[in-house]
PDB file of N, CA and C in Angstrom:
ATOM      1  N   UNK A   1     -23.940  -3.457  -0.756  1.00  0.00           N
ATOM      2  CA  UNK A   1     -22.811  -4.466  -0.949  1.00  0.00           C
ATOM      3  C   UNK A   1     -21.469  -3.771  -0.831  1.00  0.00           C
ATOM      4  N   UNK A   2     -20.448  -4.089  -0.038  1.00  0.00           N
ATOM      5  CA  UNK A   2     -19.235  -3.472  -0.021  1.00  0.00           C
ATOM      6  C   UNK A   2     -18.411  -3.713  -1.217  1.00  0.00           C
ATOM      7  N   UNK A   3     -17.557  -2.723  -1.522  1.00  0.00           N
ATOM      8  CA  UNK A   3     -16.675  -2.865  -2.668  1.00  0.00           C
ATOM      9  C   UNK A   3     -15.517  -3.882  -2.249  1.00  0.00           C
ATOM     10  N   UNK A   4     -14.908  -4.411  -3.372  1.00  0.00           N
ATOM     11  CA  UNK A   4     -13.787  -5.359  -3.204  1.00  0.00           C
ATOM     12  C   UNK A   4     -12.531  -4.792  -3.899  1.00  0.00           C
ATOM     13  N   UNK A   5     -11.636  -4.390  -3.083  1.00  0.00           N
ATOM     14  CA  UNK A   5     -10.327  -3.885  -3.621  1.00  0.00           C
ATOM     15  C   UNK A   5      -9.212  -4.924  -3.435  1.00  0.00           C
ATOM     16  N   UNK A   6      -8.572  -5.334  -4.409  1.00  0.00           N
ATOM     17  CA  UNK A   6      -7.395  -6.246  -4.235  1.00  0.00           C
ATOM     18  C   UNK A   6      -6.153  -5.388  -4.452  1.00  0.00           C
ATOM     19  N   UNK A   7      -5.317  -5.423  -3.496  1.00  0.00           N
ATOM     20  CA  UNK A   7      -4.187  -4.403  -3.387  1.00  0.00           C
ATOM     21  C   UNK A   7      -2.850  -5.146  -3.361  1.00  0.00           C
ATOM     22  N   UNK A   8      -1.872  -4.587  -3.878  1.00  0.00           N
ATOM     23  CA  UNK A   8      -0.520  -5.073  -3.804  1.00  0.00           C
ATOM     24  C   UNK A   8       0.368  -3.993  -3.384  1.00  0.00           C
ATOM     25  N   UNK A   9       0.898  -3.965  -2.270  1.00  0.00           N
ATOM     26  CA  UNK A   9       1.807  -2.988  -1.558  1.00  0.00           C
ATOM     27  C   UNK A   9       3.104  -3.354  -1.670  1.00  0.00           C
ATOM     28  N   UNK A  10       4.035  -2.502  -2.141  1.00  0.00           N
ATOM     29  CA  UNK A  10       5.511  -2.744  -2.019  1.00  0.00           C
ATOM     30  C   UNK A  10       6.137  -1.533  -1.356  1.00  0.00           C
ATOM     31  N   UNK A  11       6.970  -1.827  -0.317  1.00  0.00           N
ATOM     32  CA  UNK A  11       7.648  -0.747   0.467  1.00  0.00           C
ATOM     33  C   UNK A  11       9.088  -0.891   0.182  1.00  0.00           C
ATOM     34  N   UNK A  12       9.727   0.400  -0.105  1.00  0.00           N
ATOM     35  CA  UNK A  12      11.180   0.372  -0.378  1.00  0.00           C
ATOM     36  C   UNK A  12      11.732   1.352   0.747  1.00  0.00           C
ATOM     37  N   UNK A  13      12.731   0.995   1.487  1.00  0.00           N
ATOM     38  CA  UNK A  13      13.312   1.813   2.538  1.00  0.00           C
ATOM     39  C   UNK A  13      14.644   1.311   2.907  1.00  0.00           C
ATOM     40  N   UNK A  14      15.494   2.118   3.557  1.00  0.00           N
ATOM     41  CA  UNK A  14      16.698   1.647   4.045  1.00  0.00           C
ATOM     42  C   UNK A  14      16.391   0.521   5.162  1.00  0.00           C
ATOM     43  N   UNK A  15      17.383  -0.455   5.311  1.00  0.00           N
ATOM     44  CA  UNK A  15      17.111  -1.595   6.021  1.00  0.00           C
ATOM     45  C   UNK A  15      16.602  -1.274   7.567  1.00  0.00           C
ATOM     46  N   UNK A  16      17.314  -0.338   8.090  1.00  0.00           N
ATOM     47  CA  UNK A  16      16.958   0.057   9.542  1.00  0.00           C
ATOM     48  C   UNK A  16      15.628   0.637   9.674  1.00  0.00           C
ATOM     49  N   UNK A  17      15.284   1.505   8.622  1.00  0.00           N
ATOM     50  CA  UNK A  17      13.881   2.183   8.735  1.00  0.00           C
ATOM     51  C   UNK A  17      12.829   1.113   8.414  1.00  0.00           C
ATOM     52  N   UNK A  18      13.079   0.277   7.487  1.00  0.00           N
ATOM     53  CA  UNK A  18      12.182  -0.785   7.140  1.00  0.00           C
ATOM     54  C   UNK A  18      11.891  -1.670   8.286  1.00  0.00           C
ATOM     55  N   UNK A  19      12.893  -2.079   9.027  1.00  0.00           N
ATOM     56  CA  UNK A  19      12.710  -2.864  10.306  1.00  0.00           C
ATOM     57  C   UNK A  19      11.860  -2.176  11.295  1.00  0.00           C
ATOM     58  N   UNK A  20      11.994  -0.842  11.522  1.00  0.00           N
ATOM     59  CA  UNK A  20      11.204  -0.100  12.441  1.00  0.00           C
ATOM     60  C   UNK A  20       9.813  -0.003  11.970  1.00  0.00           C
ATOM     61  N   UNK A  21       9.703   0.251  10.633  1.00  0.00           N
ATOM     62  CA  UNK A  21       8.310   0.234  10.059  1.00  0.00           C
ATOM     63  C   UNK A  21       7.589  -1.041  10.250  1.00  0.00           C
ATOM     64  N   UNK A  22       8.209  -2.215  10.029  1.00  0.00           N
ATOM     65  CA  UNK A  22       7.565  -3.475  10.242  1.00  0.00           C
ATOM     66  C   UNK A  22       7.138  -3.769  11.627  1.00  0.00           C
ATOM     67  N   UNK A  23       7.876  -3.251  12.614  1.00  0.00           N
ATOM     68  CA  UNK A  23       7.527  -3.320  14.084  1.00  0.00           C
ATOM     69  C   UNK A  23       6.392  -2.460  14.541  1.00  0.00           C
ATOM     70  N   UNK A  24       6.078  -1.427  13.718  1.00  0.00           N
ATOM     71  CA  UNK A  24       4.974  -0.594  14.115  1.00  0.00           C
ATOM     72  C   UNK A  24       3.693  -1.065  13.623  1.00  0.00           C
ATOM     73  N   UNK A  25       2.445  -0.591  14.255  1.00  0.00           N
ATOM     74  CA  UNK A  25       1.212  -1.087  13.850  1.00  0.00           C
ATOM     75  C   UNK A  25       0.708  -0.385  12.502  1.00  0.00           C
ATOM     76  N   UNK A  26       1.554  -0.284  11.536  1.00  0.00           N
ATOM     77  CA  UNK A  26       1.205   0.496  10.207  1.00  0.00           C
ATOM     78  C   UNK A  26       0.009  -0.275   9.512  1.00  0.00           C
ATOM     79  N   UNK A  27      -0.065  -1.549   9.550  1.00  0.00           N
ATOM     80  CA  UNK A  27      -1.164  -2.323   8.799  1.00  0.00           C
ATOM     81  C   UNK A  27      -2.546  -2.051   9.328  1.00  0.00           C
ATOM     82  N   UNK A  28      -2.645  -1.612  10.563  1.00  0.00           N
ATOM     83  CA  UNK A  28      -4.010  -1.321  11.048  1.00  0.00           C
ATOM     84  C   UNK A  28      -4.647  -0.135  10.336  1.00  0.00           C
ATOM     85  N   UNK A  29      -3.791   0.728   9.878  1.00  0.00           N
ATOM     86  CA  UNK A  29      -4.347   1.932   9.167  1.00  0.00           C
ATOM     87  C   UNK A  29      -4.938   1.575   7.872  1.00  0.00           C
ATOM     88  N   UNK A  30      -4.489   0.513   7.224  1.00  0.00           N
ATOM     89  CA  UNK A  30      -5.017   0.099   5.932  1.00  0.00           C
ATOM     90  C   UNK A  30      -6.279  -0.750   6.051  1.00  0.00           C
ATOM     91  N   UNK A  31      -6.632  -1.240   7.122  1.00  0.00           N
ATOM     92  CA  UNK A  31      -7.830  -2.027   7.369  1.00  0.00           C
ATOM     93  C   UNK A  31      -7.986  -3.142   6.410  1.00  0.00           C
ATOM     94  N   UNK A  32      -6.841  -3.794   6.089  1.00  0.00           N
ATOM     95  CA  UNK A  32      -6.901  -4.920   5.106  1.00  0.00           C
ATOM     96  C   UNK A  32      -7.159  -6.174   5.742  1.00  0.00           C
ATOM     97  N   UNK A  33      -7.513  -7.271   4.887  1.00  0.00           N
ATOM     98  CA  UNK A  33      -7.794  -8.518   5.344  1.00  0.00           C
ATOM     99  C   UNK A  33      -7.161  -9.469   4.236  1.00  0.00           C
ATOM    100  N   UNK A  34      -7.013 -10.784   4.680  1.00  0.00           N
ATOM    101  CA  UNK A  34      -6.326 -11.744   3.829  1.00  0.00           C
ATOM    102  C   UNK A  34      -4.917 -11.333   3.427  1.00  0.00           C
ATOM    103  N   UNK A  35      -4.109 -11.008   4.289  1.00  0.00           N
ATOM    104  CA  UNK A  35      -2.815 -10.513   4.011  1.00  0.00           C
ATOM    105  C   UNK A  35      -1.957 -11.688   3.558  1.00  0.00           C
ATOM    106  N   UNK A  36      -1.171 -11.456   2.470  1.00  0.00           N
ATOM    107  CA  UNK A  36      -0.238 -12.527   1.908  1.00  0.00           C
ATOM    108  C   UNK A  36       1.017 -11.822   1.649  1.00  0.00           C
ATOM    109  N   UNK A  37       2.163 -12.274   2.237  1.00  0.00           N
ATOM    110  CA  UNK A  37       3.495 -11.782   1.966  1.00  0.00           C
ATOM    111  C   UNK A  37       3.875 -12.293   0.593  1.00  0.00           C
ATOM    112  N   UNK A  38       4.367 -11.251  -0.169  1.00  0.00           N
ATOM    113  CA  UNK A  38       4.750 -11.632  -1.524  1.00  0.00           C
ATOM    114  C   UNK A  38       6.289 -11.486  -1.765  1.00  0.00           C
ATOM    115  N   UNK A  39       6.948 -10.665  -1.015  1.00  0.00           N
ATOM    116  CA  UNK A  39       8.371 -10.667  -1.113  1.00  0.00           C
ATOM    117  C   UNK A  39       8.909 -10.028   0.142  1.00  0.00           C
ATOM    118  N   UNK A  40      10.152 -10.520   0.504  1.00  0.00           N
ATOM    119  CA  UNK A  40      10.738  -9.934   1.753  1.00  0.00           C
ATOM    120  C   UNK A  40      12.232  -9.926   1.425  1.00  0.00           C
ATOM    121  N   UNK A  41      12.761  -8.737   1.259  1.00  0.00           N
ATOM    122  CA  UNK A  41      14.202  -8.505   1.029  1.00  0.00           C
ATOM    123  C   UNK A  41      14.716  -7.582   2.135  1.00  0.00           C
ATOM    124  N   UNK A  42      15.951  -7.250   2.102  1.00  0.00           N
ATOM    125  CA  UNK A  42      16.465  -6.326   3.095  1.00  0.00           C
ATOM    126  C   UNK A  42      15.966  -5.002   2.981  1.00  0.00           C
ATOM    127  N   UNK A  43      15.877  -4.477   1.836  1.00  0.00           N
ATOM    128  CA  UNK A  43      15.324  -2.978   1.658  1.00  0.00           C
ATOM    129  C   UNK A  43      13.954  -2.961   0.999  1.00  0.00           C
ATOM    130  N   UNK A  44      13.218  -4.052   0.824  1.00  0.00           N
ATOM    131  CA  UNK A  44      11.934  -4.090   0.101  1.00  0.00           C
ATOM    132  C   UNK A  44      11.211  -5.158   0.619  1.00  0.00           C
ATOM    133  N   UNK A  45       9.863  -4.902   0.846  1.00  0.00           N
ATOM    134  CA  UNK A  45       8.933  -5.933   1.300  1.00  0.00           C
ATOM    135  C   UNK A  45       7.580  -5.601   0.557  1.00  0.00           C
ATOM    136  N   UNK A  46       6.803  -6.719   0.244  1.00  0.00           N
ATOM    137  CA  UNK A  46       5.555  -6.596  -0.408  1.00  0.00           C
ATOM    138  C   UNK A  46       4.552  -7.535   0.111  1.00  0.00           C
ATOM    139  N   UNK A  47       3.242  -7.092  -0.037  1.00  0.00           N
ATOM    140  CA  UNK A  47       2.150  -7.895   0.368  1.00  0.00           C
ATOM    141  C   UNK A  47       0.924  -7.766  -0.584  1.00  0.00           C
ATOM    142  N   UNK A  48       0.143  -8.667  -0.494  1.00  0.00           N
ATOM    143  CA  UNK A  48      -1.130  -8.620  -1.251  1.00  0.00           C
ATOM    144  C   UNK A  48      -2.301  -8.674  -0.216  1.00  0.00           C
ATOM    145  N   UNK A  49      -3.238  -7.876  -0.305  1.00  0.00           N
ATOM    146  CA  UNK A  49      -4.331  -7.894   0.652  1.00  0.00           C
ATOM    147  C   UNK A  49      -5.642  -7.224   0.038  1.00  0.00           C
ATOM    148  N   UNK A  50      -6.734  -7.405   0.832  1.00  0.00           N
ATOM    149  CA  UNK A  50      -8.005  -6.916   0.260  1.00  0.00           C
ATOM    150  C   UNK A  50      -8.651  -5.862   1.210  1.00  0.00           C
ATOM    151  N   UNK A  51      -9.341  -4.863   0.682  1.00  0.00           N
ATOM    152  CA  UNK A  51      -9.906  -3.886   1.444  1.00  0.00           C
ATOM    153  C   UNK A  51     -11.368  -3.717   0.903  1.00  0.00           C
ATOM    154  N   UNK A  52     -12.157  -2.957   1.790  1.00  0.00           N
ATOM    155  CA  UNK A  52     -13.536  -2.731   1.272  1.00  0.00           C
ATOM    156  C   UNK A  52     -13.579  -1.251   0.807  1.00  0.00           C
ATOM    157  N   UNK A  53     -12.473  -0.468   0.912  1.00  0.00           N
ATOM    158  CA  UNK A  53     -12.571   0.917   0.416  1.00  0.00           C
ATOM    159  C   UNK A  53     -11.147   1.249  -0.153  1.00  0.00           C
ATOM    160  N   UNK A  54     -10.915   2.413  -0.731  1.00  0.00           N
ATOM    161  CA  UNK A  54      -9.755   2.693  -1.254  1.00  0.00           C
ATOM    162  C   UNK A  54      -8.689   2.932  -0.226  1.00  0.00           C
ATOM    163  N   UNK A  55      -7.462   2.283  -0.595  1.00  0.00           N
ATOM    164  CA  UNK A  55      -6.373   2.280   0.397  1.00  0.00           C
ATOM    165  C   UNK A  55      -5.517   3.576   0.198  1.00  0.00           C
ATOM    166  N   UNK A  56      -5.843   4.448  -0.702  1.00  0.00           N
ATOM    167  CA  UNK A  56      -5.022   5.574  -1.044  1.00  0.00           C
ATOM    168  C   UNK A  56      -4.843   6.647   0.116  1.00  0.00           C
ATOM    169  N   UNK A  57      -5.958   7.009   0.854  1.00  0.00           N
ATOM    170  CA  UNK A  57      -5.788   7.896   2.060  1.00  0.00           C
ATOM    171  C   UNK A  57      -4.825   7.367   3.121  1.00  0.00           C
ATOM    172  N   UNK A  58      -4.960   6.097   3.254  1.00  0.00           N
ATOM    173  CA  UNK A  58      -4.009   5.436   4.255  1.00  0.00           C
ATOM    174  C   UNK A  58      -2.561   5.462   3.811  1.00  0.00           C
ATOM    175  N   UNK A  59      -2.349   5.186   2.484  1.00  0.00           N
ATOM    176  CA  UNK A  59      -0.987   5.213   1.948  1.00  0.00           C
ATOM    177  C   UNK A  59      -0.372   6.730   2.057  1.00  0.00           C
ATOM    178  N   UNK A  60      -1.273   7.596   1.761  1.00  0.00           N
ATOM    179  CA  UNK A  60      -0.692   9.017   1.905  1.00  0.00           C
ATOM    180  C   UNK A  60      -0.315   9.238   3.242  1.00  0.00           C
ATOM    181  N   UNK A  61      -1.201   8.876   4.248  1.00  0.00           N
ATOM    182  CA  UNK A  61      -0.879   9.159   5.658  1.00  0.00           C
ATOM    183  C   UNK A  61       0.432   8.458   6.169  1.00  0.00           C
ATOM    184  N   UNK A  62       0.625   7.107   5.638  1.00  0.00           N
ATOM    185  CA  UNK A  62       1.848   6.395   6.002  1.00  0.00           C
ATOM    186  C   UNK A  62       3.056   7.013   5.375  1.00  0.00           C
ATOM    187  N   UNK A  63       2.890   7.601   4.210  1.00  0.00           N
ATOM    188  CA  UNK A  63       4.100   8.178   3.607  1.00  0.00           C
ATOM    189  C   UNK A  63       4.479   9.500   4.321  1.00  0.00           C
ATOM    190  N   UNK A  64       3.485  10.201   4.798  1.00  0.00           N
ATOM    191  CA  UNK A  64       3.814  11.310   5.606  1.00  0.00           C
ATOM    192  C   UNK A  64       4.378  10.975   6.958  1.00  0.00           C
ATOM    193  N   UNK A  65       4.036   9.891   7.565  1.00  0.00           N
ATOM    194  CA  UNK A  65       4.575   9.389   8.780  1.00  0.00           C
ATOM    195  C   UNK A  65       6.027   8.786   8.559  1.00  0.00           C
ATOM    196  N   UNK A  66       6.194   8.193   7.438  1.00  0.00           N
ATOM    197  CA  UNK A  66       7.601   7.550   7.156  1.00  0.00           C
ATOM    198  C   UNK A  66       8.048   8.251   5.828  1.00  0.00           C
ATOM    199  N   UNK A  67       8.671   9.522   5.931  1.00  0.00           N
ATOM    200  CA  UNK A  67       9.045  10.253   4.742  1.00  0.00           C
ATOM    201  C   UNK A  67      10.095   9.656   3.810  1.00  0.00           C
ATOM    202  N   UNK A  68      11.000   8.861   4.356  1.00  0.00           N
ATOM    203  CA  UNK A  68      12.089   8.448   3.528  1.00  0.00           C
ATOM    204  C   UNK A  68      11.781   7.051   2.773  1.00  0.00           C
ATOM    205  N   UNK A  69      10.523   6.571   3.114  1.00  0.00           N
ATOM    206  CA  UNK A  69      10.143   5.295   2.338  1.00  0.00           C
ATOM    207  C   UNK A  69       9.378   5.719   1.167  1.00  0.00           C
ATOM    208  N   UNK A  70       9.459   4.681   0.176  1.00  0.00           N
ATOM    209  CA  UNK A  70       8.611   4.775  -1.035  1.00  0.00           C
ATOM    210  C   UNK A  70       7.603   3.679  -0.936  1.00  0.00           C
ATOM    211  N   UNK A  71       6.396   4.073  -1.115  1.00  0.00           N
ATOM    212  CA  UNK A  71       5.325   3.119  -1.126  1.00  0.00           C
ATOM    213  C   UNK A  71       4.794   3.015  -2.477  1.00  0.00           C
ATOM    214  N   UNK A  72       4.667   1.798  -3.015  1.00  0.00           N
ATOM    215  CA  UNK A  72       4.054   1.618  -4.317  1.00  0.00           C
ATOM    216  C   UNK A  72       2.740   0.687  -4.075  1.00  0.00           C
ATOM    217  N   UNK A  73       1.615   1.145  -4.615  1.00  0.00           N
ATOM    218  CA  UNK A  73       0.432   0.339  -4.364  1.00  0.00           C
ATOM    219  C   UNK A  73      -0.258   0.231  -5.802  1.00  0.00           C
ATOM    220  N   UNK A  74      -0.571  -1.066  -6.137  1.00  0.00           N
ATOM    221  CA  UNK A  74      -1.426  -1.385  -7.250  1.00  0.00           C
ATOM    222  C   UNK A  74      -2.656  -1.931  -6.705  1.00  0.00           C
ATOM    223  N   UNK A  75      -3.840  -1.499  -7.360  1.00  0.00           N
ATOM    224  CA  UNK A  75      -5.146  -2.077  -6.962  1.00  0.00           C
ATOM    225  C   UNK A  75      -6.026  -2.340  -8.098  1.00  0.00           C
ATOM    226  N   UNK A  76      -6.953  -3.188  -7.802  1.00  0.00           N
ATOM    227  CA  UNK A  76      -7.944  -3.606  -8.698  1.00  0.00           C
ATOM    228  C   UNK A  76      -9.231  -3.630  -7.954  1.00  0.00           C
ATOM    229  N   UNK A  77     -10.084  -2.669  -8.364  1.00  0.00           N
ATOM    230  CA  UNK A  77     -11.462  -2.473  -7.746  1.00  0.00           C
ATOM    231  C   UNK A  77     -12.394  -3.262  -8.595  1.00  0.00           C
ATOM    232  N   UNK A  78     -12.799  -4.413  -8.173  1.00  0.00           N
ATOM    233  CA  UNK A  78     -13.687  -5.279  -9.056  1.00  0.00           C
ATOM    234  C   UNK A  78     -15.030  -4.744  -9.089  1.00  0.00           C
ATOM    235  N   UNK A  79     -15.550  -4.088  -8.117  1.00  0.00           N
ATOM    236  CA  UNK A  79     -16.820  -3.463  -8.078  1.00  0.00           C
ATOM    237  C   UNK A  79     -16.966  -2.333  -9.206  1.00  0.00           C
ATOM    238  N   UNK A  80     -15.976  -1.473  -9.196  1.00  0.00           N
ATOM    239  CA  UNK A  80     -16.039  -0.364 -10.155  1.00  0.00           C
ATOM    240  C   UNK A  80     -15.238  -0.574 -11.420  1.00  0.00           C
ATOM    241  N   UNK A  81     -14.659  -1.799 -11.511  1.00  0.00           N
ATOM    242  CA  UNK A  81     -13.915  -2.154 -12.632  1.00  0.00           C
ATOM    243  C   UNK A  81     -12.640  -1.196 -12.949  1.00  0.00           C
ATOM    244  N   UNK A  82     -11.945  -0.958 -12.038  1.00  0.00           N
ATOM    245  CA  UNK A  82     -10.730  -0.074 -12.257  1.00  0.00           C
ATOM    246  C   UNK A  82      -9.496  -0.689 -11.668  1.00  0.00           C
ATOM    247  N   UNK A  83      -8.424  -0.334 -12.435  1.00  0.00           N
ATOM    248  CA  UNK A  83      -7.045  -0.734 -12.052  1.00  0.00           C
ATOM    249  C   UNK A  83      -6.243   0.581 -11.875  1.00  0.00           C
ATOM    250  N   UNK A  84      -5.379   0.533 -10.826  1.00  0.00           N
ATOM    251  CA  UNK A  84      -4.602   1.689 -10.546  1.00  0.00           C
ATOM    252  C   UNK A  84      -3.286   1.393  -9.977  1.00  0.00           C
ATOM    253  N   UNK A  85      -2.541   2.373 -10.041  1.00  0.00           N
ATOM    254  CA  UNK A  85      -1.116   2.386  -9.616  1.00  0.00           C
ATOM    255  C   UNK A  85      -0.696   3.687  -8.932  1.00  0.00           C
ATOM    256  N   UNK A  86      -0.101   3.728  -7.742  1.00  0.00           N
ATOM    257  CA  UNK A  86       0.222   4.897  -7.092  1.00  0.00           C
ATOM    258  C   UNK A  86       1.625   4.804  -6.414  1.00  0.00           C
ATOM    259  N   UNK A  87       2.313   5.915  -6.439  1.00  0.00           N
ATOM    260  CA  UNK A  87       3.618   5.942  -5.778  1.00  0.00           C
ATOM    261  C   UNK A  87       3.499   7.059  -4.640  1.00  0.00           C
ATOM    262  N   UNK A  88       3.949   6.789  -3.399  1.00  0.00           N
ATOM    263  CA  UNK A  88       3.880   7.885  -2.450  1.00  0.00           C
ATOM    264  C   UNK A  88       5.282   7.954  -1.755  1.00  0.00           C
ATOM    265  N   UNK A  89       5.636   9.213  -1.456  1.00  0.00           N
ATOM    266  CA  UNK A  89       6.882   9.457  -0.825  1.00  0.00           C
ATOM    267  C   UNK A  89       6.663  10.871  -0.227  1.00  0.00           C
ATOM    268  N   UNK A  90       7.018  10.916   1.099  1.00  0.00           N
ATOM    269  CA  UNK A  90       6.963  12.147   1.797  1.00  0.00           C
ATOM    270  C   UNK A  90       5.596  12.805   1.808  1.00  0.00           C
ATOM    271  N   UNK A  91       4.554  12.070   1.797  1.00  0.00           N
ATOM    272  CA  UNK A  91       3.223  12.593   1.658  1.00  0.00           C
ATOM    273  C   UNK A  91       2.780  13.083   0.333  1.00  0.00           C
ATOM    274  N   UNK A  92       3.615  12.949  -0.686  1.00  0.00           N
ATOM    275  CA  UNK A  92       3.293  13.283  -2.077  1.00  0.00           C
ATOM    276  C   UNK A  92       2.913  12.024  -2.850  1.00  0.00           C
ATOM    277  N   UNK A  93       1.769  12.168  -3.596  1.00  0.00           N
ATOM    278  CA  UNK A  93       1.275  11.018  -4.353  1.00  0.00           C
ATOM    279  C   UNK A  93       1.339  11.203  -5.779  1.00  0.00           C
ATOM    280  N   UNK A  94       1.763  10.208  -6.567  1.00  0.00           N
ATOM    281  CA  UNK A  94       1.579  10.202  -7.998  1.00  0.00           C
ATOM    282  C   UNK A  94       0.641   9.057  -8.251  1.00  0.00           C
ATOM    283  N   UNK A  95      -0.355   9.120  -9.091  1.00  0.00           N
ATOM    284  CA  UNK A  95      -1.377   8.263  -9.154  1.00  0.00           C
ATOM    285  C   UNK A  95      -1.856   8.023 -10.738  1.00  0.00           C
ATOM    286  N   UNK A  96      -2.248   6.844 -11.005  1.00  0.00           N
ATOM    287  CA  UNK A  96      -2.748   6.627 -12.309  1.00  0.00           C
ATOM    288  C   UNK A  96      -3.908   5.554 -12.182  1.00  0.00           C
ATOM    289  N   UNK A  97      -5.014   5.673 -12.919  1.00  0.00           N
ATOM    290  CA  UNK A  97      -6.061   4.846 -12.813  1.00  0.00           C
ATOM    291  C   UNK A  97      -6.709   4.569 -14.190  1.00  0.00           C
ATOM    292  N   UNK A  98      -7.185   3.515 -14.432  1.00  0.00           N
ATOM    293  CA  UNK A  98      -7.861   3.166 -15.746  1.00  0.00           C
ATOM    294  C   UNK A  98      -9.083   2.245 -15.499  1.00  0.00           C
ATOM    295  N   UNK A  99     -10.181   2.455 -16.320  1.00  0.00           N
ATOM    296  CA  UNK A  99     -11.398   1.584 -16.210  1.00  0.00           C
ATOM    297  C   UNK A  99     -11.260   0.452 -17.294  1.00  0.00           C
ATOM    298  N   UNK A 100     -11.786  -0.660 -16.880  1.00  0.00           N
ATOM    299  CA  UNK A 100     -11.741  -1.715 -17.917  1.00  0.00           C
ATOM    300  C   UNK A 100     -13.196  -2.347 -18.095  1.00  0.00           C
TER     301      UNK A 100
END
């Protein structure tokens, strides 16, 4: 049985860079489904989506590709009963996880 990860991604970036990011095929790397736009501002945009595996490797890769952006991801893995929060910038990741 595949795992179920519920993710909330927020991206912070200068307006021009955020526009270029949104035009690129960035979301294919996350392999998400059931995408829902949560917020859309000039320098910030956020979504909620589901994946069958951890989105962390893809978030790290995106932050290396787009070094000026800050990516914040919150996740809830209902299979393993874990909640987490990570911040990625320039390929560096700060991460916290807790079991419930």
